Amino acid sequence: MDRHPITQEGYDKLREEIRHLESDVMPEIAEKIADARAEGDLKENTEYHAQREAQGMTQAKINQLKSKLANCYIADKSTMPKGVVTFGSVVTVKNLDDGLDEKYEFVGPGEEDYMGEVMKILTSSPLAEGLLNKKVGDKVEVEVPSGTLKFEVIEIED
């Protein structure tokens, strides 16, 4: 499996989320399970079953986050090549179909944000993979699940 770049801030954010789930959320759930168990018959105890399900889902989330971290390496954006689209770049592209400019920042797992003015997308996404290593003026066609997107690289901020 390929390892993906992540910033130190992104790594710390994922570690903190794991710590919170393991140290705060899981003990709370365990306490609620114990309280529900004290109620008696477990066969018809919906609170007990709901908390056991929450415990399983939380553990699955912890495992998922740990897996993300295991498949990442901390990358220093300042060491990335200049003048080409790389991890950490903020790139402005012109959509050649509708003429609109779009701005993307290429980030690692846990750092994505699709709602900001600059959309932060994973370097492993089809769009990012299609734009990586391109220069200003390059035109590119990117295959995405919904079809083919055509872009021209307008600006790269390293």
C-alpha atoms as a PDB file:
ATOM      1  CA  MET A   1       0.000   0.000   0.000  1.00  0.00           C
ATOM      2  CA  ASP A   2       1.323   3.451  -0.881  1.00  0.00           C
ATOM      3  CA  ARG A   3       2.200   5.826   1.917  1.00  0.00           C
ATOM      4  CA  HIS A   4       0.645   9.287   1.728  1.00  0.00           C
ATOM      5  CA  PRO A   5       2.185  12.603   2.793  1.00  0.00           C
ATOM      6  CA  ILE A   6       0.688  14.485   5.715  1.00  0.00           C
ATOM      7  CA  THR A   7       1.701  17.692   7.482  1.00  0.00           C
ATOM      8  CA  GLN A   8       2.840  17.681  11.100  1.00  0.00           C
ATOM      9  CA  GLU A   9      -0.373  19.561  11.974  1.00  0.00           C
ATOM     10  CA  GLY A  10      -2.509  16.934  10.243  1.00  0.00           C
ATOM     11  CA  TYR A  11      -0.616  14.142  11.993  1.00  0.00           C
ATOM     12  CA  ASP A  12      -1.080  15.839  15.380  1.00  0.00           C
ATOM     13  CA  LYS A  13      -4.801  16.337  14.681  1.00  0.00           C
ATOM     14  CA  LEU A  14      -5.295  12.633  13.929  1.00  0.00           C
ATOM     15  CA  ARG A  15      -3.262  11.614  17.022  1.00  0.00           C
ATOM     16  CA  GLU A  16      -5.379  13.937  19.196  1.00  0.00           C
ATOM     17  CA  GLU A  17      -8.610  12.508  17.789  1.00  0.00           C
ATOM     18  CA  ILE A  18      -7.408   8.980  18.572  1.00  0.00           C
ATOM     19  CA  ARG A  19      -6.374  10.056  22.085  1.00  0.00           C
ATOM     20  CA  HIS A  20      -9.784  11.661  22.677  1.00  0.00           C
ATOM     21  CA  LEU A  21     -11.676   8.578  21.499  1.00  0.00           C
ATOM     22  CA  GLU A  22      -9.525   6.175  23.531  1.00  0.00           C
ATOM     23  CA  SER A  23      -9.192   8.260  26.718  1.00  0.00           C
ATOM     24  CA  ASP A  24     -12.510  10.107  26.884  1.00  0.00           C
ATOM     25  CA  VAL A  25     -15.203   8.506  24.725  1.00  0.00           C
ATOM     26  CA  MET A  26     -14.488   4.791  25.274  1.00  0.00           C
ATOM     27  CA  PRO A  27     -14.422   5.045  29.114  1.00  0.00           C
ATOM     28  CA  GLU A  28     -17.729   6.969  28.995  1.00  0.00           C
ATOM     29  CA  ILE A  29     -19.296   4.229  26.888  1.00  0.00           C
ATOM     30  CA  ALA A  30     -17.902   1.516  29.195  1.00  0.00           C
ATOM     31  CA  GLU A  31     -19.480   3.300  32.164  1.00  0.00           C
ATOM     32  CA  LYS A  32     -22.837   3.502  30.391  1.00  0.00           C
ATOM     33  CA  ILE A  33     -22.618  -0.204  29.537  1.00  0.00           C
ATOM     34  CA  ALA A  34     -21.963  -1.016  33.200  1.00  0.00           C
ATOM     35  CA  ASP A  35     -24.925   1.127  34.276  1.00  0.00           C
ATOM     36  CA  ALA A  36     -27.195  -0.546  31.719  1.00  0.00           C
ATOM     37  CA  ARG A  37     -25.969  -4.002  32.758  1.00  0.00           C
ATOM     38  CA  ALA A  38     -26.930  -3.191  36.349  1.00  0.00           C
ATOM     39  CA  GLU A  39     -30.527  -2.725  35.191  1.00  0.00           C
ATOM     40  CA  GLY A  40     -30.959  -6.493  34.932  1.00  0.00           C
ATOM     41  CA  ASP A  41     -32.098  -8.649  32.009  1.00  0.00           C
ATOM     42  CA  LEU A  42     -29.855  -7.893  29.022  1.00  0.00           C
ATOM     43  CA  LYS A  43     -32.112  -9.519  26.411  1.00  0.00           C
ATOM     44  CA  GLU A  44     -34.584  -6.647  26.413  1.00  0.00           C
ATOM     45  CA  ASN A  45     -32.255  -3.885  27.600  1.00  0.00           C
ATOM     46  CA  THR A  46     -32.132  -1.454  24.661  1.00  0.00           C
ATOM     47  CA  GLU A  47     -29.752   0.945  26.434  1.00  0.00           C
ATOM     48  CA  TYR A  48     -27.224  -1.859  26.912  1.00  0.00           C
ATOM     49  CA  HIS A  49     -27.433  -2.915  23.258  1.00  0.00           C
ATOM     50  CA  ALA A  50     -27.217   0.698  22.040  1.00  0.00           C
ATOM     51  CA  GLN A  51     -24.082   1.337  24.105  1.00  0.00           C
ATOM     52  CA  ARG A  52     -22.472  -1.912  22.919  1.00  0.00           C
ATOM     53  CA  GLU A  53     -23.132  -0.790  19.332  1.00  0.00           C
ATOM     54  CA  ALA A  54     -21.665   2.662  20.085  1.00  0.00           C
ATOM     55  CA  GLN A  55     -18.610   0.954  21.578  1.00  0.00           C
ATOM     56  CA  GLY A  56     -18.111  -1.115  18.433  1.00  0.00           C
ATOM     57  CA  MET A  57     -18.521   1.889  16.148  1.00  0.00           C
ATOM     58  CA  THR A  58     -16.087   3.956  18.225  1.00  0.00           C
ATOM     59  CA  GLN A  59     -13.517   1.152  18.162  1.00  0.00           C
ATOM     60  CA  ALA A  60     -13.931   0.897  14.387  1.00  0.00           C
ATOM     61  CA  LYS A  61     -13.299   4.667  14.108  1.00  0.00           C
ATOM     62  CA  ILE A  62     -10.152   4.338  16.255  1.00  0.00           C
ATOM     63  CA  ASN A  63      -8.910   1.485  14.068  1.00  0.00           C
ATOM     64  CA  GLN A  64      -9.612   3.508  10.904  1.00  0.00           C
ATOM     65  CA  LEU A  65      -7.678   6.529  12.216  1.00  0.00           C
ATOM     66  CA  LYS A  66      -4.738   4.359  13.308  1.00  0.00           C
ATOM     67  CA  SER A  67      -4.684   2.778   9.858  1.00  0.00           C
ATOM     68  CA  LYS A  68      -4.587   6.233   8.250  1.00  0.00           C
ATOM     69  CA  LEU A  69      -1.622   7.200  10.422  1.00  0.00           C
ATOM     70  CA  ALA A  70       0.183   3.951   9.660  1.00  0.00           C
ATOM     71  CA  ASN A  71      -0.066   4.703   5.941  1.00  0.00           C
ATOM     72  CA  CYS A  72       1.247   8.281   6.215  1.00  0.00           C
ATOM     73  CA  TYR A  73       4.588   9.991   6.494  1.00  0.00           C
ATOM     74  CA  ILE A  74       5.164  13.534   7.691  1.00  0.00           C
ATOM     75  CA  ALA A  75       6.163  15.681   4.723  1.00  0.00           C
ATOM     76  CA  ASP A  76       7.822  19.061   4.940  1.00  0.00           C
ATOM     77  CA  LYS A  77       6.177  21.338   2.374  1.00  0.00           C
ATOM     78  CA  SER A  78       9.286  23.530   2.241  1.00  0.00           C
ATOM     79  CA  THR A  79      11.292  20.663   0.699  1.00  0.00           C
ATOM     80  CA  MET A  80       8.830  20.082  -2.154  1.00  0.00           C
ATOM     81  CA  PRO A  81       9.856  21.147  -5.682  1.00  0.00           C
ATOM     82  CA  LYS A  82       8.846  24.675  -6.669  1.00  0.00           C
ATOM     83  CA  GLY A  83       6.940  25.563  -9.828  1.00  0.00           C
ATOM     84  CA  VAL A  84       5.090  22.249 -10.095  1.00  0.00           C
ATOM     85  CA  VAL A  85       1.958  20.944  -8.414  1.00  0.00           C
ATOM     86  CA  THR A  86       2.965  18.847  -5.374  1.00  0.00           C
ATOM     87  CA  PHE A  87       1.731  17.969  -1.909  1.00  0.00           C
ATOM     88  CA  GLY A  88       0.974  21.222  -0.098  1.00  0.00           C
ATOM     89  CA  SER A  89       0.563  23.261  -3.282  1.00  0.00           C
ATOM     90  CA  VAL A  90      -2.372  25.591  -3.715  1.00  0.00           C
ATOM     91  CA  VAL A  91      -3.212  25.460  -7.395  1.00  0.00           C
ATOM     92  CA  THR A  92      -5.629  27.592  -9.383  1.00  0.00           C
ATOM     93  CA  VAL A  93      -7.047  25.891 -12.454  1.00  0.00           C
ATOM     94  CA  LYS A  94      -9.435  27.027 -15.149  1.00  0.00           C
ATOM     95  CA  ASN A  95     -12.187  24.547 -15.908  1.00  0.00           C
ATOM     96  CA  LEU A  96     -12.065  24.442 -19.708  1.00  0.00           C
ATOM     97  CA  ASP A  97     -15.696  23.304 -19.937  1.00  0.00           C
ATOM     98  CA  ASP A  98     -17.303  26.233 -18.100  1.00  0.00           C
ATOM     99  CA  GLY A  99     -14.437  28.761 -17.944  1.00  0.00           C
ATOM    100  CA  LEU A 100     -14.595  29.053 -14.148  1.00  0.00           C
ATOM    101  CA  ASP A 101     -11.477  29.230 -11.986  1.00  0.00           C
ATOM    102  CA  GLU A 102     -11.198  26.734  -9.140  1.00  0.00           C
ATOM    103  CA  LYS A 103      -8.649  26.640  -6.341  1.00  0.00           C
ATOM    104  CA  TYR A 104      -7.375  23.463  -4.666  1.00  0.00           C
ATOM    105  CA  GLU A 105      -4.858  22.670  -1.968  1.00  0.00           C
ATOM    106  CA  PHE A 106      -3.392  19.158  -1.954  1.00  0.00           C
ATOM    107  CA  VAL A 107      -3.343  17.683   1.544  1.00  0.00           C
ATOM    108  CA  GLY A 108      -2.948  14.392   3.389  1.00  0.00           C
ATOM    109  CA  PRO A 109      -5.495  12.155   5.158  1.00  0.00           C
ATOM    110  CA  GLY A 110      -7.521  13.911   7.843  1.00  0.00           C
ATOM    111  CA  GLU A 111      -6.730  17.359   6.461  1.00  0.00           C
ATOM    112  CA  GLU A 112      -9.325  17.456   3.684  1.00  0.00           C
ATOM    113  CA  ASP A 113     -11.941  20.226   3.748  1.00  0.00           C
ATOM    114  CA  TYR A 114     -14.387  20.498   0.872  1.00  0.00           C
ATOM    115  CA  MET A 115     -16.264  23.548   2.175  1.00  0.00           C
ATOM    116  CA  GLY A 116     -13.571  26.236   2.304  1.00  0.00           C
ATOM    117  CA  GLU A 117     -12.821  28.932  -0.256  1.00  0.00           C
ATOM    118  CA  VAL A 118      -9.793  26.823  -1.193  1.00  0.00           C
ATOM    119  CA  MET A 119     -10.941  23.218  -1.420  1.00  0.00           C
ATOM    120  CA  LYS A 120      -8.472  20.956   0.410  1.00  0.00           C
ATOM    121  CA  ILE A 121      -8.395  17.612  -1.378  1.00  0.00           C
ATOM    122  CA  LEU A 122      -6.409  14.440  -0.796  1.00  0.00           C
ATOM    123  CA  THR A 123      -3.301  13.919  -2.889  1.00  0.00           C
ATOM    124  CA  SER A 124      -4.641  10.423  -3.558  1.00  0.00           C
ATOM    125  CA  SER A 125      -7.875  11.708  -5.141  1.00  0.00           C
ATOM    126  CA  PRO A 126      -8.288  11.330  -8.917  1.00  0.00           C
ATOM    127  CA  LEU A 127      -8.279  15.117  -9.388  1.00  0.00           C
ATOM    128  CA  ALA A 128      -5.075  15.590  -7.419  1.00  0.00           C
ATOM    129  CA  GLU A 129      -3.356  12.660  -9.114  1.00  0.00           C
ATOM    130  CA  GLY A 130      -4.218  14.169 -12.491  1.00  0.00           C
ATOM    131  CA  LEU A 131      -2.751  17.554 -11.557  1.00  0.00           C
ATOM    132  CA  LEU A 132       0.367  16.454  -9.642  1.00  0.00           C
ATOM    133  CA  ASN A 133       3.661  17.431 -11.282  1.00  0.00           C
ATOM    134  CA  LYS A 134       1.944  19.819 -13.740  1.00  0.00           C
ATOM    135  CA  LYS A 135       3.232  23.357 -14.383  1.00  0.00           C
ATOM    136  CA  VAL A 136       1.533  26.678 -15.079  1.00  0.00           C
ATOM    137  CA  GLY A 137       0.078  26.580 -18.598  1.00  0.00           C
ATOM    138  CA  ASP A 138      -0.271  22.789 -18.689  1.00  0.00           C
ATOM    139  CA  LYS A 139      -3.623  21.468 -19.840  1.00  0.00           C
ATOM    140  CA  VAL A 140      -4.863  18.217 -18.359  1.00  0.00           C
ATOM    141  CA  GLU A 141      -7.785  15.853 -18.672  1.00  0.00           C
ATOM    142  CA  VAL A 142      -8.720  14.104 -15.439  1.00  0.00           C
ATOM    143  CA  GLU A 143     -10.876  10.990 -15.305  1.00  0.00           C
ATOM    144  CA  VAL A 144     -13.262  11.144 -12.341  1.00  0.00           C
ATOM    145  CA  PRO A 145     -16.255   8.944 -11.538  1.00  0.00           C
ATOM    146  CA  SER A 146     -18.619  11.453 -13.147  1.00  0.00           C
ATOM    147  CA  GLY A 147     -16.654  11.707 -16.406  1.00  0.00           C
ATOM    148  CA  THR A 148     -13.700  13.648 -17.779  1.00  0.00           C
ATOM    149  CA  LEU A 149     -12.732  17.081 -16.469  1.00  0.00           C
ATOM    150  CA  LYS A 150     -10.529  19.415 -18.512  1.00  0.00           C
ATOM    151  CA  PHE A 151      -8.334  21.977 -16.758  1.00  0.00           C
ATOM    152  CA  GLU A 152      -5.575  24.434 -17.447  1.00  0.00           C
ATOM    153  CA  VAL A 153      -3.150  25.216 -14.614  1.00  0.00           C
ATOM    154  CA  ILE A 154      -3.273  28.991 -14.059  1.00  0.00           C
ATOM    155  CA  GLU A 155      -1.240  29.500 -10.865  1.00  0.00           C
ATOM    156  CA  ILE A 156       0.731  27.442  -8.342  1.00  0.00           C
ATOM    157  CA  GLU A 157       1.374  28.707  -4.818  1.00  0.00           C
ATOM    158  CA  ASP A 158       4.090  26.646  -3.123  1.00  0.00           C
END
